[in-house]
Amino acid sequence: MKLRAADEQQRTLSKSEKTARATNDAAWEIIEQERARTDAKSERLRQARLASEALEADKAKTATKAKRKSGKSASSETPGR
């Protein structure tokens, strides 16, 4: 198998083989660029989602504390007792 790979490197490529190889290399380069761009976008969106979820959780925690405080004072001021 190694001899065959070495033989391919030694022989001269025809014009169509050179064109095919150049096209293949260009296509793979484009695919890799798109994959890198997609991965970067996914990571950026993941970070934004996590930040948004953390902010929402913080707001919910603050709102719960505020409700508890106002709820306790309202229940302690029950009329008629």
N, C-alpha and C. Protein backbone atom coordinates (compact mmCIF):
# COMPACT_ATOMS: atom_id res chain seq x y z
N MET A 1 0.82 -1.20 0.00
CA MET A 1 0.00 0.00 0.00
C MET A 1 0.86 1.25 0.00
N LYS A 2 1.94 1.24 0.77
CA LYS A 2 2.82 2.40 0.82
C LYS A 2 3.52 2.61 -0.51
N LEU A 3 3.82 1.52 -1.20
CA LEU A 3 4.46 1.66 -2.50
C LEU A 3 3.53 2.34 -3.49
N ARG A 4 2.27 1.99 -3.41
CA ARG A 4 1.30 2.58 -4.32
C ARG A 4 1.18 4.09 -4.10
N ALA A 5 1.13 4.51 -2.84
CA ALA A 5 1.05 5.94 -2.52
C ALA A 5 2.31 6.65 -3.00
N ALA A 6 3.46 6.01 -2.83
CA ALA A 6 4.71 6.61 -3.28
C ALA A 6 4.73 6.69 -4.80
N ASP A 7 4.20 5.66 -5.48
CA ASP A 7 4.15 5.68 -6.94
C ASP A 7 3.26 6.81 -7.44
N GLU A 8 2.15 7.07 -6.76
CA GLU A 8 1.25 8.14 -7.17
C GLU A 8 1.92 9.50 -7.04
N GLN A 9 2.74 9.66 -6.03
CA GLN A 9 3.43 10.94 -5.85
C GLN A 9 4.50 11.13 -6.91
N GLN A 10 5.11 10.04 -7.36
CA GLN A 10 6.19 10.13 -8.33
C GLN A 10 5.68 10.37 -9.75
N ARG A 11 4.54 9.82 -10.08
CA ARG A 11 4.07 9.94 -11.46
C ARG A 11 3.53 11.34 -11.73
N THR A 12 3.54 11.73 -12.97
CA THR A 12 3.05 13.03 -13.39
C THR A 12 1.55 12.97 -13.57
N LEU A 13 0.86 13.96 -13.04
CA LEU A 13 -0.60 14.00 -13.16
C LEU A 13 -0.99 14.58 -14.50
N SER A 14 -2.08 14.05 -15.05
CA SER A 14 -2.59 14.61 -16.30
C SER A 14 -3.29 15.93 -16.00
N LYS A 15 -3.62 16.66 -17.03
CA LYS A 15 -4.28 17.96 -16.86
C LYS A 15 -5.61 17.79 -16.14
N SER A 16 -6.38 16.79 -16.52
CA SER A 16 -7.69 16.57 -15.88
C SER A 16 -7.53 16.15 -14.42
N GLU A 17 -6.49 15.36 -14.12
CA GLU A 17 -6.25 14.96 -12.74
C GLU A 17 -5.83 16.16 -11.88
N LYS A 18 -5.02 17.03 -12.45
CA LYS A 18 -4.61 18.25 -11.73
C LYS A 18 -5.82 19.13 -11.45
N THR A 19 -6.69 19.26 -12.45
CA THR A 19 -7.90 20.07 -12.29
C THR A 19 -8.81 19.45 -11.23
N ALA A 20 -8.97 18.14 -11.30
CA ALA A 20 -9.82 17.44 -10.33
C ALA A 20 -9.26 17.59 -8.92
N ARG A 21 -7.96 17.45 -8.77
CA ARG A 21 -7.34 17.59 -7.46
C ARG A 21 -7.49 19.02 -6.94
N ALA A 22 -7.29 20.01 -7.81
CA ALA A 22 -7.43 21.41 -7.39
C ALA A 22 -8.87 21.70 -6.98
N THR A 23 -9.83 21.17 -7.74
CA THR A 23 -11.24 21.36 -7.41
C THR A 23 -11.57 20.70 -6.08
N ASN A 24 -11.09 19.50 -5.88
CA ASN A 24 -11.33 18.78 -4.63
C ASN A 24 -10.73 19.53 -3.45
N ASP A 25 -9.50 20.00 -3.60
CA ASP A 25 -8.86 20.74 -2.51
C ASP A 25 -9.62 22.02 -2.19
N ALA A 26 -10.07 22.73 -3.23
CA ALA A 26 -10.83 23.97 -3.02
C ALA A 26 -12.15 23.68 -2.33
N ALA A 27 -12.81 22.60 -2.75
CA ALA A 27 -14.09 22.24 -2.13
C ALA A 27 -13.91 21.92 -0.65
N TRP A 28 -12.88 21.15 -0.32
CA TRP A 28 -12.64 20.81 1.08
C TRP A 28 -12.27 22.04 1.90
N GLU A 29 -11.57 22.96 1.29
CA GLU A 29 -11.23 24.20 2.00
C GLU A 29 -12.49 25.00 2.33
N ILE A 30 -13.40 25.07 1.36
CA ILE A 30 -14.67 25.78 1.58
C ILE A 30 -15.48 25.08 2.67
N ILE A 31 -15.53 23.75 2.62
CA ILE A 31 -16.28 22.99 3.62
C ILE A 31 -15.72 23.24 5.02
N GLU A 32 -14.41 23.22 5.15
CA GLU A 32 -13.78 23.47 6.45
C GLU A 32 -14.04 24.89 6.94
N GLN A 33 -14.02 25.87 6.04
CA GLN A 33 -14.32 27.26 6.43
C GLN A 33 -15.75 27.38 6.92
N GLU A 34 -16.68 26.75 6.20
CA GLU A 34 -18.08 26.79 6.61
C GLU A 34 -18.28 26.10 7.96
N ARG A 35 -17.60 24.98 8.16
CA ARG A 35 -17.71 24.26 9.43
C ARG A 35 -17.18 25.13 10.57
N ALA A 36 -16.05 25.80 10.35
CA ALA A 36 -15.49 26.67 11.38
C ALA A 36 -16.43 27.84 11.68
N ARG A 37 -17.02 28.41 10.63
CA ARG A 37 -17.95 29.52 10.80
C ARG A 37 -19.19 29.07 11.57
N THR A 38 -19.70 27.89 11.23
CA THR A 38 -20.88 27.35 11.92
C THR A 38 -20.58 27.06 13.39
N ASP A 39 -19.41 26.47 13.65
CA ASP A 39 -19.03 26.18 15.03
C ASP A 39 -18.89 27.47 15.84
N ALA A 40 -18.29 28.49 15.24
CA ALA A 40 -18.13 29.77 15.94
C ALA A 40 -19.49 30.40 16.24
N LYS A 41 -20.39 30.34 15.27
CA LYS A 41 -21.73 30.91 15.48
C LYS A 41 -22.48 30.13 16.56
N SER A 42 -22.37 28.81 16.53
CA SER A 42 -23.04 27.99 17.54
C SER A 42 -22.52 28.32 18.93
N GLU A 43 -21.22 28.48 19.06
CA GLU A 43 -20.63 28.82 20.36
C GLU A 43 -21.09 30.20 20.82
N ARG A 44 -21.12 31.16 19.89
CA ARG A 44 -21.56 32.51 20.22
C ARG A 44 -23.03 32.50 20.68
N LEU A 45 -23.88 31.76 19.98
CA LEU A 45 -25.29 31.67 20.35
C LEU A 45 -25.47 30.94 21.68
N ARG A 46 -24.66 29.91 21.92
CA ARG A 46 -24.73 29.17 23.18
C ARG A 46 -24.38 30.10 24.34
N GLN A 47 -23.34 30.90 24.18
CA GLN A 47 -22.94 31.83 25.24
C GLN A 47 -24.04 32.87 25.48
N ALA A 48 -24.66 33.35 24.41
CA ALA A 48 -25.74 34.33 24.55
C ALA A 48 -26.94 33.71 25.27
N ARG A 49 -27.25 32.45 24.93
CA ARG A 49 -28.38 31.76 25.57
C ARG A 49 -28.10 31.55 27.06
N LEU A 50 -26.90 31.13 27.38
CA LEU A 50 -26.55 30.91 28.79
C LEU A 50 -26.61 32.22 29.58
N ALA A 51 -26.14 33.30 28.97
CA ALA A 51 -26.19 34.60 29.65
C ALA A 51 -27.64 35.03 29.85
N SER A 52 -28.47 34.81 28.84
CA SER A 52 -29.88 35.17 28.94
C SER A 52 -30.58 34.34 30.02
N GLU A 53 -30.28 33.03 30.05
CA GLU A 53 -30.88 32.18 31.07
C GLU A 53 -30.44 32.58 32.47
N ALA A 54 -29.19 32.96 32.62
CA ALA A 54 -28.69 33.40 33.92
C ALA A 54 -29.39 34.68 34.35
N LEU A 55 -29.58 35.59 33.41
CA LEU A 55 -30.26 36.85 33.70
C LEU A 55 -31.72 36.59 34.09
N GLU A 56 -32.39 35.71 33.37
CA GLU A 56 -33.78 35.37 33.69
C GLU A 56 -33.88 34.70 35.06
N ALA A 57 -32.94 33.82 35.37
CA ALA A 57 -32.95 33.16 36.67
C ALA A 57 -32.74 34.18 37.78
N ASP A 58 -31.86 35.14 37.55
CA ASP A 58 -31.60 36.19 38.54
C ASP A 58 -32.84 37.06 38.73
N LYS A 59 -33.51 37.39 37.62
CA LYS A 59 -34.74 38.19 37.71
C LYS A 59 -35.82 37.42 38.47
N ALA A 60 -35.94 36.13 38.19
CA ALA A 60 -36.96 35.31 38.86
C ALA A 60 -36.66 35.21 40.36
N LYS A 61 -35.39 35.07 40.70
CA LYS A 61 -35.01 34.98 42.11
C LYS A 61 -35.32 36.30 42.81
N THR A 62 -35.01 37.42 42.17
CA THR A 62 -35.28 38.74 42.75
C THR A 62 -36.78 38.96 42.89
N ALA A 63 -37.55 38.57 41.88
CA ALA A 63 -39.00 38.74 41.93
C ALA A 63 -39.61 37.87 43.04
N THR A 64 -39.10 36.68 43.23
CA THR A 64 -39.60 35.80 44.28
C THR A 64 -39.32 36.40 45.65
N LYS A 65 -38.14 36.95 45.84
CA LYS A 65 -37.81 37.58 47.12
C LYS A 65 -38.72 38.77 47.37
N ALA A 66 -38.99 39.57 46.35
CA ALA A 66 -39.85 40.74 46.50
C ALA A 66 -41.27 40.32 46.84
N LYS A 67 -41.76 39.26 46.21
CA LYS A 67 -43.11 38.77 46.50
C LYS A 67 -43.20 38.25 47.93
N ARG A 68 -42.17 37.55 48.35
CA ARG A 68 -42.18 37.02 49.71
C ARG A 68 -42.22 38.14 50.73
N LYS A 69 -41.41 39.18 50.50
CA LYS A 69 -41.39 40.31 51.44
C LYS A 69 -42.75 41.00 51.48
N SER A 70 -43.31 41.30 50.31
CA SER A 70 -44.60 41.99 50.28
C SER A 70 -45.72 41.07 50.75
N GLY A 71 -45.60 39.80 50.49
CA GLY A 71 -46.60 38.83 50.93
C GLY A 71 -46.64 38.69 52.43
N LYS A 72 -45.50 38.69 53.08
CA LYS A 72 -45.45 38.57 54.54
C LYS A 72 -46.05 39.79 55.20
N SER A 73 -45.74 40.96 54.71
CA SER A 73 -46.26 42.17 55.34
C SER A 73 -47.76 42.30 55.10
N ALA A 74 -48.24 41.85 53.97
CA ALA A 74 -49.67 41.93 53.69
C ALA A 74 -50.43 40.91 54.53
N SER A 75 -49.87 39.73 54.74
CA SER A 75 -50.57 38.71 55.52
C SER A 75 -50.54 39.05 57.01
N SER A 76 -49.53 39.78 57.47
CA SER A 76 -49.46 40.14 58.88
C SER A 76 -50.44 41.26 59.22
N GLU A 77 -50.89 41.97 58.21
CA GLU A 77 -51.85 43.06 58.44
C GLU A 77 -53.25 42.59 58.09
N THR A 78 -53.68 41.47 58.61
CA THR A 78 -54.99 40.94 58.30
C THR A 78 -56.04 41.73 59.07
N PRO A 79 -57.03 42.26 58.39
CA PRO A 79 -58.06 43.03 59.08
C PRO A 79 -58.97 42.12 59.91
N GLY A 80 -59.43 42.63 61.03
CA GLY A 80 -60.38 41.91 61.86
C GLY A 80 -59.73 41.04 62.91
N ARG A 81 -58.50 41.03 63.06
CA ARG A 81 -57.86 40.21 64.11
C ARG A 81 -57.21 41.06 65.11
